[in-house]
PDB file of N, CA and C in Angstrom:
ATOM      1  N   MET A   1     -19.071  16.041 -37.300  1.00  0.00           N
ATOM      2  CA  MET A   1     -18.323  15.230 -37.369  1.00  0.00           C
ATOM      3  C   MET A   1     -18.151  14.784 -35.544  1.00  0.00           C
ATOM      4  N   LEU A   2     -19.058  15.712 -34.571  1.00  0.00           N
ATOM      5  CA  LEU A   2     -19.222  14.992 -33.152  1.00  0.00           C
ATOM      6  C   LEU A   2     -19.895  14.447 -33.804  1.00  0.00           C
ATOM      7  N   GLN A   3     -20.932  14.192 -34.090  1.00  0.00           N
ATOM      8  CA  GLN A   3     -22.443  13.497 -33.996  1.00  0.00           C
ATOM      9  C   GLN A   3     -22.174  11.868 -35.023  1.00  0.00           C
ATOM     10  N   ARG A   4     -21.335  11.719 -35.688  1.00  0.00           N
ATOM     11  CA  ARG A   4     -20.439  10.590 -36.241  1.00  0.00           C
ATOM     12  C   ARG A   4     -20.127  10.105 -35.415  1.00  0.00           C
ATOM     13  N   THR A   5     -18.641  10.182 -34.513  1.00  0.00           N
ATOM     14  CA  THR A   5     -18.187   9.426 -33.040  1.00  0.00           C
ATOM     15  C   THR A   5     -19.063   9.279 -32.067  1.00  0.00           C
ATOM     16  N   GLY A   6     -20.498   9.809 -31.829  1.00  0.00           N
ATOM     17  CA  GLY A   6     -21.741   9.606 -31.006  1.00  0.00           C
ATOM     18  C   GLY A   6     -21.090  10.705 -30.254  1.00  0.00           C
ATOM     19  N   VAL A   7     -20.685  12.099 -30.492  1.00  0.00           N
ATOM     20  CA  VAL A   7     -21.060  12.629 -29.324  1.00  0.00           C
ATOM     21  C   VAL A   7     -22.310  13.821 -29.476  1.00  0.00           C
ATOM     22  N   PRO A   8     -23.114  13.605 -28.611  1.00  0.00           N
ATOM     23  CA  PRO A   8     -24.238  14.596 -28.814  1.00  0.00           C
ATOM     24  C   PRO A   8     -23.627  16.131 -29.162  1.00  0.00           C
ATOM     25  N   THR A   9     -24.013  16.723 -29.944  1.00  0.00           N
ATOM     26  CA  THR A   9     -24.004  18.072 -30.438  1.00  0.00           C
ATOM     27  C   THR A   9     -24.021  19.253 -29.864  1.00  0.00           C
ATOM     28  N   ALA A  10     -25.556  19.110 -28.700  1.00  0.00           N
ATOM     29  CA  ALA A  10     -25.886  20.042 -27.332  1.00  0.00           C
ATOM     30  C   ALA A  10     -24.515  20.385 -26.478  1.00  0.00           C
ATOM     31  N   ALA A  11     -24.528  18.349 -25.954  1.00  0.00           N
ATOM     32  CA  ALA A  11     -23.091  18.551 -24.598  1.00  0.00           C
ATOM     33  C   ALA A  11     -21.481  18.584 -25.446  1.00  0.00           C
ATOM     34  N   ALA A  12     -21.392  18.703 -26.617  1.00  0.00           N
ATOM     35  CA  ALA A  12     -20.006  18.821 -27.006  1.00  0.00           C
ATOM     36  C   ALA A  12     -19.808  20.976 -27.469  1.00  0.00           C
ATOM     37  N   GLU A  13     -21.110  21.359 -27.345  1.00  0.00           N
ATOM     38  CA  GLU A  13     -21.208  22.633 -27.116  1.00  0.00           C
ATOM     39  C   GLU A  13     -21.005  23.339 -26.079  1.00  0.00           C
ATOM     40  N   LEU A  14     -22.075  22.598 -24.851  1.00  0.00           N
ATOM     41  CA  LEU A  14     -22.182  23.025 -23.618  1.00  0.00           C
ATOM     42  C   LEU A  14     -20.497  23.067 -23.348  1.00  0.00           C
ATOM     43  N   LEU A  15     -20.006  21.959 -23.472  1.00  0.00           N
ATOM     44  CA  LEU A  15     -17.940  21.666 -23.274  1.00  0.00           C
ATOM     45  C   LEU A  15     -17.523  23.003 -24.015  1.00  0.00           C
ATOM     46  N   LEU A  16     -17.607  23.484 -25.299  1.00  0.00           N
ATOM     47  CA  LEU A  16     -17.058  24.162 -25.276  1.00  0.00           C
ATOM     48  C   LEU A  16     -17.725  25.541 -24.430  1.00  0.00           C
ATOM     49  N   SER A  17     -18.273  25.984 -24.965  1.00  0.00           N
ATOM     50  CA  SER A  17     -19.265  27.478 -23.870  1.00  0.00           C
ATOM     51  C   SER A  17     -17.971  27.136 -23.090  1.00  0.00           C
ATOM     52  N   TRP A  18     -18.061  25.818 -21.492  1.00  0.00           N
ATOM     53  CA  TRP A  18     -17.212  26.128 -20.157  1.00  0.00           C
ATOM     54  C   TRP A  18     -16.203  26.615 -20.795  1.00  0.00           C
ATOM     55  N   MET A  19     -15.134  25.828 -21.485  1.00  0.00           N
ATOM     56  CA  MET A  19     -14.424  25.621 -21.088  1.00  0.00           C
ATOM     57  C   MET A  19     -14.077  27.033 -22.556  1.00  0.00           C
ATOM     58  N   ARG A  20     -14.812  28.162 -22.518  1.00  0.00           N
ATOM     59  CA  ARG A  20     -14.263  29.169 -23.385  1.00  0.00           C
ATOM     60  C   ARG A  20     -13.723  29.851 -21.930  1.00  0.00           C
ATOM     61  N   ALA A  21     -15.343  30.238 -21.262  1.00  0.00           N
ATOM     62  CA  ALA A  21     -15.813  31.130 -20.010  1.00  0.00           C
ATOM     63  C   ALA A  21     -13.957  30.282 -19.105  1.00  0.00           C
ATOM     64  N   LYS A  22     -14.150  29.503 -19.122  1.00  0.00           N
ATOM     65  CA  LYS A  22     -13.275  28.871 -18.018  1.00  0.00           C
ATOM     66  C   LYS A  22     -11.128  30.042 -18.648  1.00  0.00           C
ATOM     67  N   VAL A  23     -11.006  29.245 -20.186  1.00  0.00           N
ATOM     68  CA  VAL A  23     -10.399  29.690 -21.471  1.00  0.00           C
ATOM     69  C   VAL A  23      -9.768  31.745 -20.828  1.00  0.00           C
ATOM     70  N   ASP A  24     -11.043  32.034 -20.448  1.00  0.00           N
ATOM     71  CA  ASP A  24     -11.579  33.559 -20.276  1.00  0.00           C
ATOM     72  C   ASP A  24     -11.080  34.278 -18.964  1.00  0.00           C
ATOM     73  N   ASP A  25     -11.255  33.192 -17.770  1.00  0.00           N
ATOM     74  CA  ASP A  25     -11.261  33.547 -16.223  1.00  0.00           C
ATOM     75  C   ASP A  25      -9.693  33.639 -16.372  1.00  0.00           C
ATOM     76  N   LEU A  26      -9.280  32.036 -16.953  1.00  0.00           N
ATOM     77  CA  LEU A  26      -7.924  32.449 -16.759  1.00  0.00           C
ATOM     78  C   LEU A  26      -6.688  33.259 -16.998  1.00  0.00           C
ATOM     79  N   CYS A  27      -7.657  33.933 -18.643  1.00  0.00           N
ATOM     80  CA  CYS A  27      -6.431  35.588 -19.167  1.00  0.00           C
ATOM     81  C   CYS A  27      -7.358  36.776 -18.150  1.00  0.00           C
ATOM     82  N   GLU A  28      -8.206  36.445 -17.257  1.00  0.00           N
ATOM     83  CA  GLU A  28      -7.952  37.828 -16.814  1.00  0.00           C
ATOM     84  C   GLU A  28      -7.758  38.092 -15.936  1.00  0.00           C
ATOM     85  N   GLU A  29      -7.351  36.679 -14.829  1.00  0.00           N
ATOM     86  CA  GLU A  29      -6.717  36.150 -13.445  1.00  0.00           C
ATOM     87  C   GLU A  29      -5.075  36.271 -13.980  1.00  0.00           C
ATOM     88  N   ARG A  30      -4.961  35.900 -15.238  1.00  0.00           N
ATOM     89  CA  ARG A  30      -3.320  36.249 -15.589  1.00  0.00           C
ATOM     90  C   ARG A  30      -2.936  37.806 -16.213  1.00  0.00           C
ATOM     91  N   GLU A  31      -4.125  38.695 -16.584  1.00  0.00           N
ATOM     92  CA  GLU A  31      -3.718  40.118 -16.135  1.00  0.00           C
ATOM     93  C   GLU A  31      -3.980  40.553 -15.294  1.00  0.00           C
ATOM     94  N   ALA A  32      -4.377  40.591 -13.737  1.00  0.00           N
ATOM     95  CA  ALA A  32      -4.147  41.170 -12.564  1.00  0.00           C
ATOM     96  C   ALA A  32      -3.041  40.929 -12.433  1.00  0.00           C
ATOM     97  N   LEU A  33      -2.677  39.236 -12.316  1.00  0.00           N
ATOM     98  CA  LEU A  33      -1.342  39.184 -11.631  1.00  0.00           C
ATOM     99  C   LEU A  33      -0.714  39.660 -12.489  1.00  0.00           C
ATOM    100  N   ARG A  34      -0.109  40.308 -14.047  1.00  0.00           N
ATOM    101  CA  ARG A  34       1.299  40.893 -14.660  1.00  0.00           C
ATOM    102  C   ARG A  34       0.483  42.234 -13.969  1.00  0.00           C
ATOM    103  N   LYS A  35      -0.528  43.141 -13.581  1.00  0.00           N
ATOM    104  CA  LYS A  35      -0.483  44.462 -13.398  1.00  0.00           C
ATOM    105  C   LYS A  35       0.251  44.405 -11.975  1.00  0.00           C
ATOM    106  N   SER A  36      -0.243  43.347 -11.075  1.00  0.00           N
ATOM    107  CA  SER A  36       0.023  43.148  -9.442  1.00  0.00           C
ATOM    108  C   SER A  36       1.900  42.993  -9.494  1.00  0.00           C
ATOM    109  N   GLY A  37       2.346  42.496 -10.267  1.00  0.00           N
ATOM    110  CA  GLY A  37       3.299  42.312 -10.430  1.00  0.00           C
ATOM    111  C   GLY A  37       3.850  41.134  -9.908  1.00  0.00           C
ATOM    112  N   ALA A  38       3.540  40.343 -10.025  1.00  0.00           N
ATOM    113  CA  ALA A  38       3.279  38.920  -9.518  1.00  0.00           C
ATOM    114  C   ALA A  38       3.852  37.764 -10.605  1.00  0.00           C
ATOM    115  N   SER A  39       5.113  36.990  -9.722  1.00  0.00           N
ATOM    116  CA  SER A  39       5.679  36.487 -10.845  1.00  0.00           C
ATOM    117  C   SER A  39       3.834  35.306 -10.969  1.00  0.00           C
ATOM    118  N   LEU A  40       4.484  35.186 -12.741  1.00  0.00           N
ATOM    119  CA  LEU A  40       3.376  33.802 -13.207  1.00  0.00           C
ATOM    120  C   LEU A  40       4.170  32.087 -12.850  1.00  0.00           C
ATOM    121  N   THR A  41       4.973  32.217 -13.693  1.00  0.00           N
ATOM    122  CA  THR A  41       5.914  30.900 -13.395  1.00  0.00           C
ATOM    123  C   THR A  41       5.901  30.277 -11.593  1.00  0.00           C
ATOM    124  N   GLY A  42       5.732  31.718 -10.657  1.00  0.00           N
ATOM    125  CA  GLY A  42       6.111  30.695  -9.800  1.00  0.00           C
ATOM    126  C   GLY A  42       6.970  30.988  -8.728  1.00  0.00           C
ATOM    127  N   ARG A  43       8.392  31.308  -9.514  1.00  0.00           N
ATOM    128  CA  ARG A  43       9.478  30.947  -9.990  1.00  0.00           C
ATOM    129  C   ARG A  43      10.251  32.624  -9.378  1.00  0.00           C
ATOM    130  N   SER A  44      10.439  32.544  -8.174  1.00  0.00           N
ATOM    131  CA  SER A  44      11.547  33.859  -7.810  1.00  0.00           C
ATOM    132  C   SER A  44      13.519  34.462  -8.623  1.00  0.00           C
TER     133      SER A  44
END
């Protein structure tokens, strides 16, 4: 499907890899905030 739309497979896989790593980082940050008792929404 990606090749039909003109997106090189390698580039798409690289982007997906970067996005997964970013999501993992954000999940770790969320868990650290939860453990510290910080508000996730910014509202008190």
